Amino acid sequence: MNYDELITTAIKMTEKSYAPYSHFHVGAALLDKNGKIWTGCNVENAAYGPSNCAERTAVFKAVSEGVKEFQAIAIAGGAENSDGKVVIQDFCPPCGVCRQVLSEFCSKDFKIILVNGKSETKEFTLGELLPESFSL
């Protein structure tokens, strides 16, 4: 499957991020089983704990609308430069909490696509990034 639209959407979502504390902006684009893309960005909070990652924002938006089956997610992230623009350089894999949330709704062969600033991608399965996940 061609994930170009998913990747482009994830990159665009970095611009919607609210990151006044870390100045690190992350965007995610989550593809559901019917081909709809759900977007997310990180939203920080001064108390840090209430902050939310881009990946979980996308998952929670979809689940809150009744969607619980997914095919893939694209993730992009980068720091602000001195002009306040997001500069994507390296790959930005999901944190452990996001991996666990994804495992709640996604199979081990769920695709995770990371993109860097050179438009290079790395593709993993959820099983590769979270080999010993747990669920009920």
N, C-alpha and C. Protein backbone atom coordinates (compact mmCIF):
# COMPACT_ATOMS: atom_id res chain seq x y z
N MET A 1 0.84 -1.19 0.00
CA MET A 1 0.00 0.00 0.00
C MET A 1 0.88 1.25 0.00
N ASN A 2 0.45 2.26 -0.70
CA ASN A 2 1.16 3.53 -0.75
C ASN A 2 0.67 4.42 0.40
N TYR A 3 1.60 4.82 1.23
CA TYR A 3 1.25 5.61 2.41
C TYR A 3 1.58 7.10 2.26
N ASP A 4 1.73 7.59 1.02
CA ASP A 4 2.13 8.98 0.80
C ASP A 4 1.20 9.99 1.46
N GLU A 5 -0.11 9.80 1.31
CA GLU A 5 -1.07 10.75 1.90
C GLU A 5 -0.98 10.72 3.42
N LEU A 6 -0.80 9.56 3.98
CA LEU A 6 -0.67 9.41 5.43
C LEU A 6 0.57 10.16 5.93
N ILE A 7 1.67 10.00 5.23
CA ILE A 7 2.93 10.65 5.60
C ILE A 7 2.81 12.16 5.48
N THR A 8 2.26 12.64 4.38
CA THR A 8 2.08 14.08 4.17
C THR A 8 1.19 14.68 5.26
N THR A 9 0.14 13.97 5.62
CA THR A 9 -0.78 14.44 6.65
C THR A 9 -0.09 14.51 8.01
N ALA A 10 0.72 13.52 8.34
CA ALA A 10 1.45 13.53 9.61
C ALA A 10 2.39 14.73 9.68
N ILE A 11 3.08 15.01 8.60
CA ILE A 11 3.99 16.17 8.56
C ILE A 11 3.21 17.47 8.77
N LYS A 12 2.08 17.61 8.09
CA LYS A 12 1.25 18.82 8.23
C LYS A 12 0.74 18.99 9.66
N MET A 13 0.46 17.88 10.31
CA MET A 13 -0.08 17.96 11.68
C MET A 13 0.95 18.49 12.69
N THR A 14 2.24 18.41 12.37
CA THR A 14 3.24 18.99 13.29
C THR A 14 3.00 20.48 13.48
N GLU A 15 2.44 21.12 12.47
CA GLU A 15 2.19 22.57 12.52
C GLU A 15 1.02 22.92 13.45
N LYS A 16 0.18 21.96 13.77
CA LYS A 16 -0.96 22.21 14.65
C LYS A 16 -0.63 21.89 16.11
N SER A 17 0.53 21.34 16.34
CA SER A 17 0.97 20.95 17.67
C SER A 17 1.00 22.15 18.63
N TYR A 18 0.72 21.87 19.90
CA TYR A 18 0.84 22.89 20.95
C TYR A 18 1.97 22.44 21.86
N ALA A 19 3.16 23.02 21.65
CA ALA A 19 4.36 22.57 22.37
C ALA A 19 5.17 23.74 22.92
N PRO A 20 4.55 24.58 23.79
CA PRO A 20 5.27 25.75 24.29
C PRO A 20 6.36 25.43 25.32
N TYR A 21 6.41 24.20 25.79
CA TYR A 21 7.39 23.83 26.82
C TYR A 21 8.57 23.07 26.24
N SER A 22 8.31 22.05 25.46
CA SER A 22 9.40 21.27 24.87
C SER A 22 9.86 21.85 23.54
N HIS A 23 8.99 22.59 22.88
CA HIS A 23 9.25 23.11 21.54
C HIS A 23 9.52 21.98 20.54
N PHE A 24 9.00 20.80 20.84
CA PHE A 24 9.12 19.64 19.96
C PHE A 24 7.72 19.28 19.49
N HIS A 25 7.51 19.33 18.20
CA HIS A 25 6.18 19.18 17.61
C HIS A 25 6.06 17.83 16.91
N VAL A 26 4.96 17.13 17.20
CA VAL A 26 4.73 15.82 16.61
C VAL A 26 3.36 15.79 15.95
N GLY A 27 3.32 15.18 14.79
CA GLY A 27 2.06 14.98 14.08
C GLY A 27 1.87 13.51 13.76
N ALA A 28 0.63 13.08 13.76
CA ALA A 28 0.31 11.69 13.45
C ALA A 28 -0.90 11.64 12.53
N ALA A 29 -0.90 10.62 11.68
CA ALA A 29 -2.04 10.37 10.79
C ALA A 29 -2.33 8.87 10.87
N LEU A 30 -3.52 8.55 11.35
CA LEU A 30 -3.94 7.18 11.63
C LEU A 30 -4.96 6.74 10.58
N LEU A 31 -4.68 5.63 9.93
CA LEU A 31 -5.55 5.10 8.88
C LEU A 31 -6.44 4.01 9.46
N ASP A 32 -7.76 4.21 9.36
CA ASP A 32 -8.67 3.19 9.88
C ASP A 32 -8.94 2.12 8.83
N LYS A 33 -9.66 1.09 9.21
CA LYS A 33 -9.88 -0.06 8.31
C LYS A 33 -10.68 0.30 7.06
N ASN A 34 -11.42 1.42 7.11
CA ASN A 34 -12.22 1.85 5.96
C ASN A 34 -11.52 2.89 5.09
N GLY A 35 -10.27 3.23 5.43
CA GLY A 35 -9.50 4.17 4.63
C GLY A 35 -9.59 5.62 5.06
N LYS A 36 -10.26 5.90 6.16
CA LYS A 36 -10.34 7.28 6.67
C LYS A 36 -9.09 7.58 7.49
N ILE A 37 -8.60 8.81 7.36
CA ILE A 37 -7.43 9.25 8.11
C ILE A 37 -7.88 10.10 9.29
N TRP A 38 -7.40 9.72 10.47
CA TRP A 38 -7.64 10.44 11.71
C TRP A 38 -6.34 11.13 12.10
N THR A 39 -6.43 12.41 12.42
CA THR A 39 -5.20 13.17 12.69
C THR A 39 -5.01 13.43 14.17
N GLY A 40 -3.75 13.69 14.51
CA GLY A 40 -3.42 14.04 15.89
C GLY A 40 -2.13 14.84 15.94
N CYS A 41 -2.01 15.62 16.99
CA CYS A 41 -0.77 16.34 17.27
C CYS A 41 -0.56 16.32 18.77
N ASN A 42 0.67 16.57 19.20
CA ASN A 42 0.90 16.61 20.63
C ASN A 42 0.35 17.91 21.21
N VAL A 43 -0.20 17.80 22.41
CA VAL A 43 -0.78 18.95 23.12
C VAL A 43 -0.18 18.95 24.52
N GLU A 44 0.68 19.93 24.79
CA GLU A 44 1.36 19.99 26.08
C GLU A 44 0.57 20.79 27.10
N ASN A 45 0.96 20.61 28.35
CA ASN A 45 0.34 21.31 29.47
C ASN A 45 1.45 21.67 30.46
N ALA A 46 1.33 22.79 31.13
CA ALA A 46 2.35 23.22 32.09
C ALA A 46 2.58 22.19 33.18
N ALA A 47 1.59 21.39 33.49
CA ALA A 47 1.73 20.36 34.53
C ALA A 47 2.35 19.07 33.97
N TYR A 48 2.67 19.04 32.70
CA TYR A 48 3.28 17.91 31.98
C TYR A 48 2.41 16.65 31.96
N GLY A 49 1.97 16.14 33.08
CA GLY A 49 1.18 14.92 33.14
C GLY A 49 -0.06 14.94 32.25
N PRO A 50 -0.79 16.05 32.21
CA PRO A 50 -1.98 16.10 31.35
C PRO A 50 -1.67 16.25 29.86
N SER A 51 -0.40 16.35 29.50
CA SER A 51 -0.04 16.46 28.08
C SER A 51 -0.45 15.18 27.34
N ASN A 52 -0.62 15.30 26.03
CA ASN A 52 -1.02 14.14 25.23
C ASN A 52 -0.19 14.08 23.96
N CYS A 53 0.24 12.89 23.60
CA CYS A 53 1.03 12.67 22.39
C CYS A 53 0.14 12.69 21.15
N ALA A 54 0.76 12.92 20.01
CA ALA A 54 0.04 12.97 18.73
C ALA A 54 -0.65 11.66 18.41
N GLU A 55 0.04 10.55 18.65
CA GLU A 55 -0.50 9.25 18.32
C GLU A 55 -1.76 8.96 19.12
N ARG A 56 -1.71 9.24 20.42
CA ARG A 56 -2.89 9.00 21.26
C ARG A 56 -4.01 9.96 20.92
N THR A 57 -3.68 11.19 20.56
CA THR A 57 -4.73 12.13 20.15
C THR A 57 -5.50 11.57 18.96
N ALA A 58 -4.78 11.04 17.97
CA ALA A 58 -5.44 10.47 16.79
C ALA A 58 -6.30 9.25 17.16
N VAL A 59 -5.74 8.37 17.99
CA VAL A 59 -6.49 7.18 18.40
C VAL A 59 -7.74 7.58 19.17
N PHE A 60 -7.60 8.49 20.12
CA PHE A 60 -8.74 8.88 20.95
C PHE A 60 -9.82 9.58 20.14
N LYS A 61 -9.43 10.38 19.15
CA LYS A 61 -10.42 11.01 18.27
C LYS A 61 -11.23 9.94 17.54
N ALA A 62 -10.53 8.96 16.99
CA ALA A 62 -11.22 7.90 16.23
C ALA A 62 -12.12 7.08 17.14
N VAL A 63 -11.59 6.65 18.28
CA VAL A 63 -12.38 5.81 19.19
C VAL A 63 -13.60 6.58 19.70
N SER A 64 -13.44 7.88 19.94
CA SER A 64 -14.58 8.67 20.42
C SER A 64 -15.69 8.79 19.38
N GLU A 65 -15.37 8.46 18.13
CA GLU A 65 -16.36 8.46 17.05
C GLU A 65 -16.79 7.04 16.69
N GLY A 66 -16.38 6.05 17.51
CA GLY A 66 -16.82 4.68 17.31
C GLY A 66 -15.92 3.81 16.45
N VAL A 67 -14.77 4.33 16.04
CA VAL A 67 -13.85 3.57 15.19
C VAL A 67 -12.79 2.91 16.06
N LYS A 68 -12.63 1.59 15.89
CA LYS A 68 -11.69 0.86 16.74
C LYS A 68 -10.82 -0.12 15.97
N GLU A 69 -10.81 -0.03 14.64
CA GLU A 69 -9.99 -0.92 13.83
C GLU A 69 -9.13 -0.09 12.89
N PHE A 70 -7.82 -0.35 12.93
CA PHE A 70 -6.87 0.50 12.21
C PHE A 70 -5.87 -0.32 11.40
N GLN A 71 -5.35 0.32 10.34
CA GLN A 71 -4.38 -0.32 9.44
C GLN A 71 -2.96 0.15 9.66
N ALA A 72 -2.78 1.48 9.85
CA ALA A 72 -1.44 2.05 9.89
C ALA A 72 -1.46 3.43 10.52
N ILE A 73 -0.27 3.88 10.94
CA ILE A 73 -0.11 5.24 11.43
C ILE A 73 1.22 5.77 10.90
N ALA A 74 1.22 7.05 10.50
CA ALA A 74 2.45 7.74 10.12
C ALA A 74 2.73 8.78 11.19
N ILE A 75 4.01 8.94 11.52
CA ILE A 75 4.40 9.86 12.60
C ILE A 75 5.59 10.69 12.13
N ALA A 76 5.51 12.00 12.39
CA ALA A 76 6.61 12.92 12.08
C ALA A 76 6.78 13.85 13.27
N GLY A 77 8.01 14.24 13.53
CA GLY A 77 8.23 15.16 14.64
C GLY A 77 9.55 15.88 14.52
N GLY A 78 9.58 17.09 15.08
CA GLY A 78 10.81 17.86 15.06
C GLY A 78 10.73 19.07 15.95
N ALA A 79 11.90 19.63 16.21
CA ALA A 79 12.01 20.80 17.08
C ALA A 79 11.80 22.09 16.29
N GLU A 80 11.47 23.14 17.03
CA GLU A 80 11.35 24.47 16.42
C GLU A 80 12.74 25.03 16.15
N ASN A 81 12.86 25.78 15.05
CA ASN A 81 14.10 26.53 14.83
C ASN A 81 13.96 27.91 15.47
N SER A 82 14.92 28.78 15.28
CA SER A 82 14.89 30.11 15.92
C SER A 82 13.74 30.98 15.43
N ASP A 83 13.17 30.64 14.28
CA ASP A 83 12.02 31.37 13.75
C ASP A 83 10.69 30.78 14.19
N GLY A 84 10.74 29.71 15.00
CA GLY A 84 9.52 29.06 15.46
C GLY A 84 8.93 28.06 14.48
N LYS A 85 9.64 27.77 13.39
CA LYS A 85 9.17 26.79 12.41
C LYS A 85 9.63 25.40 12.83
N VAL A 86 8.79 24.41 12.57
CA VAL A 86 9.13 23.03 12.89
C VAL A 86 10.13 22.51 11.87
N VAL A 87 11.21 21.93 12.37
CA VAL A 87 12.23 21.34 11.51
C VAL A 87 12.31 19.84 11.82
N ILE A 88 11.85 19.05 10.88
CA ILE A 88 11.90 17.60 11.06
C ILE A 88 13.26 17.12 10.57
N GLN A 89 14.01 16.47 11.47
CA GLN A 89 15.32 15.95 11.08
C GLN A 89 15.36 14.44 11.19
N ASP A 90 15.14 13.93 12.38
CA ASP A 90 15.27 12.50 12.63
C ASP A 90 13.90 11.83 12.66
N PHE A 91 13.93 10.51 12.74
CA PHE A 91 12.71 9.73 12.90
C PHE A 91 12.19 9.92 14.32
N CYS A 92 10.88 9.84 14.48
CA CYS A 92 10.24 10.10 15.77
C CYS A 92 9.33 8.91 16.11
N PRO A 93 9.88 7.88 16.72
CA PRO A 93 9.05 6.71 17.05
C PRO A 93 8.11 6.99 18.21
N PRO A 94 7.02 6.25 18.31
CA PRO A 94 6.07 6.46 19.41
C PRO A 94 6.68 6.08 20.76
N CYS A 95 6.27 6.79 21.78
CA CYS A 95 6.72 6.49 23.14
C CYS A 95 6.08 5.18 23.61
N GLY A 96 6.51 4.70 24.75
CA GLY A 96 5.98 3.45 25.28
C GLY A 96 4.49 3.49 25.58
N VAL A 97 4.02 4.61 26.10
CA VAL A 97 2.59 4.73 26.40
C VAL A 97 1.78 4.66 25.11
N CYS A 98 2.23 5.34 24.07
CA CYS A 98 1.52 5.30 22.79
C CYS A 98 1.54 3.91 22.19
N ARG A 99 2.65 3.21 22.33
CA ARG A 99 2.74 1.83 21.82
C ARG A 99 1.71 0.95 22.53
N GLN A 100 1.58 1.14 23.84
CA GLN A 100 0.61 0.34 24.58
C GLN A 100 -0.82 0.70 24.18
N VAL A 101 -1.11 1.98 24.00
CA VAL A 101 -2.45 2.39 23.55
C VAL A 101 -2.75 1.80 22.17
N LEU A 102 -1.79 1.86 21.27
CA LEU A 102 -1.99 1.26 19.95
C LEU A 102 -2.27 -0.23 20.06
N SER A 103 -1.60 -0.90 20.99
CA SER A 103 -1.80 -2.35 21.14
C SER A 103 -3.20 -2.69 21.63
N GLU A 104 -3.88 -1.73 22.23
CA GLU A 104 -5.25 -1.96 22.69
C GLU A 104 -6.21 -2.13 21.51
N PHE A 105 -5.90 -1.47 20.38
CA PHE A 105 -6.82 -1.44 19.25
C PHE A 105 -6.24 -2.05 17.97
N CYS A 106 -4.95 -2.34 17.95
CA CYS A 106 -4.29 -2.74 16.71
C CYS A 106 -3.62 -4.10 16.85
N SER A 107 -3.55 -4.82 15.75
CA SER A 107 -2.90 -6.12 15.73
C SER A 107 -1.38 -5.94 15.72
N LYS A 108 -0.69 -7.03 15.95
CA LYS A 108 0.77 -6.99 15.95
C LYS A 108 1.34 -6.65 14.58
N ASP A 109 0.57 -6.84 13.48
CA ASP A 109 1.06 -6.50 12.15
C ASP A 109 0.64 -5.09 11.70
N PHE A 110 0.04 -4.32 12.59
CA PHE A 110 -0.30 -2.91 12.35
C PHE A 110 0.98 -2.18 11.94
N LYS A 111 0.90 -1.35 10.89
CA LYS A 111 2.07 -0.66 10.35
C LYS A 111 2.29 0.69 11.03
N ILE A 112 3.54 0.94 11.39
CA ILE A 112 3.97 2.22 11.96
C ILE A 112 5.02 2.78 11.01
N ILE A 113 4.71 3.92 10.38
CA ILE A 113 5.60 4.55 9.40
C ILE A 113 6.17 5.82 10.00
N LEU A 114 7.48 5.89 10.04
CA LEU A 114 8.18 7.07 10.56
C LEU A 114 8.80 7.80 9.38
N VAL A 115 8.80 9.13 9.42
CA VAL A 115 9.39 9.92 8.34
C VAL A 115 10.37 10.93 8.94
N ASN A 116 11.51 11.11 8.26
CA ASN A 116 12.47 12.11 8.72
C ASN A 116 12.45 13.32 7.80
N GLY A 117 13.35 14.26 8.04
CA GLY A 117 13.39 15.50 7.28
C GLY A 117 13.86 15.36 5.84
N LYS A 118 14.41 14.20 5.49
CA LYS A 118 14.84 13.95 4.11
C LYS A 118 13.77 13.18 3.34
N SER A 119 12.59 13.08 3.92
CA SER A 119 11.47 12.32 3.37
C SER A 119 11.78 10.84 3.25
N GLU A 120 12.73 10.37 4.04
CA GLU A 120 13.00 8.94 4.12
C GLU A 120 12.03 8.35 5.14
N THR A 121 11.68 7.11 4.95
CA THR A 121 10.77 6.47 5.87
C THR A 121 11.38 5.19 6.43
N LYS A 122 10.89 4.84 7.60
CA LYS A 122 11.16 3.55 8.21
C LYS A 122 9.80 2.97 8.54
N GLU A 123 9.64 1.69 8.29
CA GLU A 123 8.36 1.04 8.54
C GLU A 123 8.57 -0.12 9.50
N PHE A 124 7.73 -0.17 10.52
CA PHE A 124 7.77 -1.22 11.53
C PHE A 124 6.37 -1.78 11.70
N THR A 125 6.28 -2.94 12.31
CA THR A 125 4.99 -3.41 12.78
C THR A 125 4.92 -3.10 14.27
N LEU A 126 3.72 -3.05 14.78
CA LEU A 126 3.54 -2.83 16.21
C LEU A 126 4.22 -3.96 17.00
N GLY A 127 4.15 -5.17 16.49
CA GLY A 127 4.80 -6.30 17.14
C GLY A 127 6.31 -6.13 17.26
N GLU A 128 6.91 -5.48 16.26
CA GLU A 128 8.36 -5.22 16.32
C GLU A 128 8.69 -4.16 17.37
N LEU A 129 7.86 -3.13 17.49
CA LEU A 129 8.14 -2.05 18.44
C LEU A 129 7.65 -2.33 19.85
N LEU A 130 6.73 -3.28 19.99
CA LEU A 130 6.23 -3.65 21.31
C LEU A 130 6.05 -5.16 21.33
N PRO A 131 7.15 -5.90 21.41
CA PRO A 131 7.07 -7.36 21.26
C PRO A 131 6.38 -8.07 22.40
N GLU A 132 6.38 -7.54 23.57
CA GLU A 132 5.78 -8.22 24.73
C GLU A 132 4.61 -7.41 25.28
N SER A 133 3.72 -6.98 24.40
CA SER A 133 2.58 -6.18 24.85
C SER A 133 1.62 -7.05 25.67
N PHE A 134 0.75 -6.37 26.40
CA PHE A 134 -0.23 -7.09 27.18
C PHE A 134 -1.60 -6.48 26.95
N SER A 135 -2.63 -7.30 27.10
CA SER A 135 -4.01 -6.83 27.01
C SER A 135 -4.88 -7.85 27.72
N LEU A 136 -6.12 -7.50 27.89
CA LEU A 136 -7.07 -8.42 28.53
C LEU A 136 -7.59 -9.45 27.58
